[in-house]
Amino acid sequence: MKRIVWTSAARADLDGIAEYHAGSDHRVGDTIVARIEASAAKLARYDTGRPGRVSGTREKSVAKTRHIIVYEIHGDLLFIFRIVHTALNWP
């Protein structure tokens, strides 16, 4: 199992998701963040993502959300760079 390394940008993305939903129903944001973190944990066991739109990266859609995890794997490390909403024009 790989060790997950969250970049500061990815952590800021998670915080932004939670903050965005805090005004209406914080439980929604908490649920989405939990699903993203669970998906990242699964990636640490099995790389089921696809080649990313940015050269050298990979992407994994998060089930029951409109978010994508952008990451790279280097040896035993899983680097998570960004959490992107599918409505955004990425990259």
N, C-alpha and C. Protein backbone atom coordinates (compact mmCIF):
# COMPACT_ATOMS: atom_id res chain seq x y z
N MET A 1 0.85 -1.18 0.00
CA MET A 1 0.00 0.00 0.00
C MET A 1 0.89 1.25 0.00
N LYS A 2 0.53 2.17 -0.85
CA LYS A 2 1.31 3.40 -0.97
C LYS A 2 0.94 4.40 0.13
N ARG A 3 1.88 5.25 0.45
CA ARG A 3 1.62 6.33 1.40
C ARG A 3 1.08 7.52 0.61
N ILE A 4 0.01 8.11 1.10
CA ILE A 4 -0.63 9.24 0.43
C ILE A 4 0.01 10.55 0.89
N VAL A 5 0.40 11.37 -0.09
CA VAL A 5 0.95 12.69 0.18
C VAL A 5 0.00 13.71 -0.45
N TRP A 6 -0.68 14.46 0.40
CA TRP A 6 -1.60 15.51 -0.07
C TRP A 6 -0.81 16.80 -0.22
N THR A 7 -0.83 17.40 -1.40
CA THR A 7 -0.17 18.69 -1.57
C THR A 7 -1.01 19.76 -0.88
N SER A 8 -0.40 20.90 -0.67
CA SER A 8 -1.15 22.00 -0.04
C SER A 8 -2.31 22.44 -0.94
N ALA A 9 -2.14 22.36 -2.26
CA ALA A 9 -3.23 22.72 -3.18
C ALA A 9 -4.40 21.74 -3.05
N ALA A 10 -4.10 20.46 -2.93
CA ALA A 10 -5.16 19.46 -2.78
C ALA A 10 -5.90 19.64 -1.45
N ARG A 11 -5.16 19.93 -0.39
CA ARG A 11 -5.79 20.18 0.92
C ARG A 11 -6.66 21.43 0.85
N ALA A 12 -6.18 22.44 0.16
CA ALA A 12 -6.98 23.67 -0.01
C ALA A 12 -8.25 23.37 -0.81
N ASP A 13 -8.15 22.48 -1.80
CA ASP A 13 -9.34 22.08 -2.56
C ASP A 13 -10.36 21.41 -1.65
N LEU A 14 -9.90 20.51 -0.78
CA LEU A 14 -10.81 19.84 0.16
C LEU A 14 -11.46 20.85 1.10
N ASP A 15 -10.65 21.77 1.61
CA ASP A 15 -11.19 22.82 2.50
C ASP A 15 -12.22 23.66 1.77
N GLY A 16 -11.95 23.97 0.51
CA GLY A 16 -12.88 24.77 -0.29
C GLY A 16 -14.20 24.06 -0.52
N ILE A 17 -14.14 22.75 -0.74
CA ILE A 17 -15.37 21.97 -0.92
C ILE A 17 -16.20 22.02 0.36
N ALA A 18 -15.57 21.78 1.49
CA ALA A 18 -16.29 21.80 2.77
C ALA A 18 -16.85 23.19 3.04
N GLU A 19 -16.06 24.21 2.77
CA GLU A 19 -16.49 25.59 3.02
C GLU A 19 -17.65 25.99 2.09
N TYR A 20 -17.59 25.56 0.86
CA TYR A 20 -18.64 25.89 -0.11
C TYR A 20 -20.01 25.39 0.38
N HIS A 21 -20.02 24.20 0.93
CA HIS A 21 -21.28 23.60 1.38
C HIS A 21 -21.66 23.97 2.81
N ALA A 22 -20.78 24.60 3.54
CA ALA A 22 -21.03 24.92 4.94
C ALA A 22 -22.22 25.84 5.13
N GLY A 23 -22.44 26.74 4.18
CA GLY A 23 -23.55 27.68 4.31
C GLY A 23 -24.91 27.05 4.21
N SER A 24 -25.02 25.99 3.40
CA SER A 24 -26.32 25.35 3.21
C SER A 24 -26.48 24.13 4.11
N ASP A 25 -25.55 23.20 4.01
CA ASP A 25 -25.63 21.98 4.83
C ASP A 25 -24.23 21.40 4.91
N HIS A 26 -23.57 21.61 6.03
CA HIS A 26 -22.19 21.18 6.18
C HIS A 26 -22.03 19.67 6.00
N ARG A 27 -23.10 18.92 6.24
CA ARG A 27 -23.01 17.46 6.09
C ARG A 27 -22.73 17.06 4.65
N VAL A 28 -23.23 17.83 3.70
CA VAL A 28 -22.98 17.54 2.29
C VAL A 28 -21.49 17.67 2.00
N GLY A 29 -20.90 18.76 2.42
CA GLY A 29 -19.46 18.96 2.23
C GLY A 29 -18.65 17.89 2.92
N ASP A 30 -19.03 17.54 4.15
CA ASP A 30 -18.32 16.50 4.89
C ASP A 30 -18.40 15.16 4.16
N THR A 31 -19.57 14.86 3.60
CA THR A 31 -19.76 13.60 2.87
C THR A 31 -18.90 13.57 1.61
N ILE A 32 -18.87 14.67 0.88
CA ILE A 32 -18.07 14.72 -0.35
C ILE A 32 -16.59 14.57 -0.02
N VAL A 33 -16.12 15.28 0.99
CA VAL A 33 -14.71 15.18 1.40
C VAL A 33 -14.39 13.76 1.84
N ALA A 34 -15.28 13.13 2.59
CA ALA A 34 -15.06 11.74 3.03
C ALA A 34 -14.98 10.79 1.83
N ARG A 35 -15.82 11.01 0.82
CA ARG A 35 -15.78 10.16 -0.38
C ARG A 35 -14.47 10.35 -1.14
N ILE A 36 -14.00 11.59 -1.21
CA ILE A 36 -12.73 11.86 -1.89
C ILE A 36 -11.58 11.18 -1.14
N GLU A 37 -11.57 11.30 0.17
CA GLU A 37 -10.51 10.68 0.97
C GLU A 37 -10.56 9.16 0.87
N ALA A 38 -11.76 8.58 0.84
CA ALA A 38 -11.89 7.13 0.70
C ALA A 38 -11.41 6.68 -0.68
N SER A 39 -11.71 7.45 -1.70
CA SER A 39 -11.25 7.13 -3.05
C SER A 39 -9.73 7.19 -3.13
N ALA A 40 -9.13 8.17 -2.47
CA ALA A 40 -7.67 8.28 -2.43
C ALA A 40 -7.07 7.07 -1.73
N ALA A 41 -7.70 6.63 -0.65
CA ALA A 41 -7.21 5.46 0.08
C ALA A 41 -7.25 4.21 -0.80
N LYS A 42 -8.29 4.10 -1.62
CA LYS A 42 -8.38 2.96 -2.55
C LYS A 42 -7.29 3.04 -3.61
N LEU A 43 -6.99 4.27 -4.08
CA LEU A 43 -5.92 4.45 -5.05
C LEU A 43 -4.57 4.03 -4.47
N ALA A 44 -4.40 4.22 -3.18
CA ALA A 44 -3.15 3.84 -2.52
C ALA A 44 -2.96 2.32 -2.55
N ARG A 45 -4.06 1.59 -2.68
CA ARG A 45 -3.98 0.12 -2.78
C ARG A 45 -3.89 -0.33 -4.23
N TYR A 46 -4.76 0.23 -5.08
CA TYR A 46 -4.84 -0.17 -6.49
C TYR A 46 -5.02 1.07 -7.36
N ASP A 47 -4.13 1.22 -8.31
CA ASP A 47 -4.23 2.36 -9.23
C ASP A 47 -5.27 2.03 -10.30
N THR A 48 -6.46 2.57 -10.12
CA THR A 48 -7.55 2.32 -11.08
C THR A 48 -7.86 3.56 -11.90
N GLY A 49 -6.97 4.55 -11.85
CA GLY A 49 -7.20 5.80 -12.58
C GLY A 49 -6.85 5.67 -14.05
N ARG A 50 -6.95 6.77 -14.74
CA ARG A 50 -6.67 6.85 -16.17
C ARG A 50 -5.57 7.89 -16.39
N PRO A 51 -4.94 7.86 -17.57
CA PRO A 51 -3.95 8.91 -17.86
C PRO A 51 -4.60 10.29 -17.75
N GLY A 52 -3.89 11.23 -17.13
CA GLY A 52 -4.41 12.57 -16.89
C GLY A 52 -4.30 13.47 -18.10
N ARG A 53 -5.00 14.58 -18.04
CA ARG A 53 -4.94 15.58 -19.11
C ARG A 53 -3.67 16.39 -19.06
N VAL A 54 -3.02 16.41 -17.90
CA VAL A 54 -1.71 17.05 -17.75
C VAL A 54 -0.66 15.94 -17.85
N SER A 55 0.31 16.13 -18.70
CA SER A 55 1.34 15.12 -18.95
C SER A 55 1.96 14.63 -17.64
N GLY A 56 2.02 13.31 -17.51
CA GLY A 56 2.64 12.69 -16.35
C GLY A 56 1.71 12.44 -15.18
N THR A 57 0.49 13.00 -15.24
CA THR A 57 -0.46 12.79 -14.14
C THR A 57 -1.46 11.70 -14.50
N ARG A 58 -2.21 11.31 -13.49
CA ARG A 58 -3.31 10.38 -13.64
C ARG A 58 -4.53 11.01 -13.00
N GLU A 59 -5.71 10.53 -13.36
CA GLU A 59 -6.95 11.07 -12.82
C GLU A 59 -7.88 9.94 -12.42
N LYS A 60 -8.64 10.18 -11.37
CA LYS A 60 -9.63 9.21 -10.90
C LYS A 60 -10.90 9.96 -10.54
N SER A 61 -12.01 9.59 -11.18
CA SER A 61 -13.31 10.15 -10.83
C SER A 61 -13.73 9.60 -9.48
N VAL A 62 -14.34 10.44 -8.67
CA VAL A 62 -14.80 10.02 -7.34
C VAL A 62 -16.28 9.69 -7.43
N ALA A 63 -16.63 8.46 -7.08
CA ALA A 63 -18.02 7.99 -7.16
C ALA A 63 -18.96 8.87 -6.35
N LYS A 64 -20.13 9.10 -6.89
CA LYS A 64 -21.21 9.85 -6.25
C LYS A 64 -20.85 11.30 -5.95
N THR A 65 -19.86 11.82 -6.69
CA THR A 65 -19.51 13.24 -6.60
C THR A 65 -19.24 13.71 -8.02
N ARG A 66 -19.00 15.00 -8.16
CA ARG A 66 -18.60 15.55 -9.45
C ARG A 66 -17.15 16.02 -9.37
N HIS A 67 -16.32 15.20 -8.73
CA HIS A 67 -14.93 15.58 -8.50
C HIS A 67 -13.97 14.53 -9.08
N ILE A 68 -12.79 15.02 -9.42
CA ILE A 68 -11.72 14.17 -9.96
C ILE A 68 -10.47 14.39 -9.12
N ILE A 69 -9.80 13.30 -8.78
CA ILE A 69 -8.52 13.37 -8.08
C ILE A 69 -7.42 13.38 -9.15
N VAL A 70 -6.55 14.36 -9.09
CA VAL A 70 -5.40 14.45 -9.99
C VAL A 70 -4.17 14.04 -9.18
N TYR A 71 -3.44 13.04 -9.67
CA TYR A 71 -2.36 12.47 -8.86
C TYR A 71 -1.24 11.90 -9.72
N GLU A 72 -0.15 11.56 -9.06
CA GLU A 72 0.96 10.82 -9.64
C GLU A 72 1.41 9.78 -8.63
N ILE A 73 1.99 8.73 -9.15
CA ILE A 73 2.57 7.69 -8.29
C ILE A 73 4.06 7.64 -8.55
N HIS A 74 4.83 7.70 -7.47
CA HIS A 74 6.28 7.58 -7.54
C HIS A 74 6.70 6.54 -6.51
N GLY A 75 7.01 5.36 -6.96
CA GLY A 75 7.40 4.30 -6.04
C GLY A 75 6.27 3.97 -5.07
N ASP A 76 6.54 4.12 -3.80
CA ASP A 76 5.55 3.82 -2.76
C ASP A 76 4.78 5.05 -2.32
N LEU A 77 4.85 6.14 -3.09
CA LEU A 77 4.16 7.37 -2.73
C LEU A 77 3.08 7.71 -3.75
N LEU A 78 1.92 8.10 -3.26
CA LEU A 78 0.82 8.59 -4.08
C LEU A 78 0.68 10.08 -3.79
N PHE A 79 1.07 10.90 -4.75
CA PHE A 79 0.99 12.35 -4.60
C PHE A 79 -0.33 12.84 -5.17
N ILE A 80 -1.15 13.44 -4.33
CA ILE A 80 -2.41 14.01 -4.79
C ILE A 80 -2.20 15.51 -4.95
N PHE A 81 -2.35 15.96 -6.20
CA PHE A 81 -2.07 17.35 -6.53
C PHE A 81 -3.27 18.26 -6.42
N ARG A 82 -4.40 17.81 -6.95
CA ARG A 82 -5.59 18.66 -6.97
C ARG A 82 -6.84 17.80 -6.87
N ILE A 83 -7.92 18.43 -6.42
CA ILE A 83 -9.27 17.86 -6.49
C ILE A 83 -10.05 18.83 -7.37
N VAL A 84 -10.48 18.36 -8.53
CA VAL A 84 -11.08 19.23 -9.53
C VAL A 84 -12.55 18.89 -9.70
N HIS A 85 -13.39 19.92 -9.69
CA HIS A 85 -14.81 19.73 -9.98
C HIS A 85 -14.97 19.54 -11.48
N THR A 86 -15.84 18.64 -11.90
CA THR A 86 -15.99 18.33 -13.32
C THR A 86 -16.54 19.50 -14.13
N ALA A 87 -17.14 20.48 -13.48
CA ALA A 87 -17.67 21.65 -14.20
C ALA A 87 -16.56 22.63 -14.60
N LEU A 88 -15.37 22.46 -14.02
CA LEU A 88 -14.26 23.34 -14.34
C LEU A 88 -13.59 22.90 -15.62
N ASN A 89 -13.04 23.84 -16.33
CA ASN A 89 -12.29 23.56 -17.54
C ASN A 89 -10.87 23.20 -17.13
N TRP A 90 -10.63 21.95 -16.90
CA TRP A 90 -9.32 21.47 -16.42
C TRP A 90 -8.55 20.89 -17.57
N PRO A 91 -7.32 21.15 -17.76
CA PRO A 91 -6.43 22.05 -17.04
C PRO A 91 -6.56 23.48 -17.50
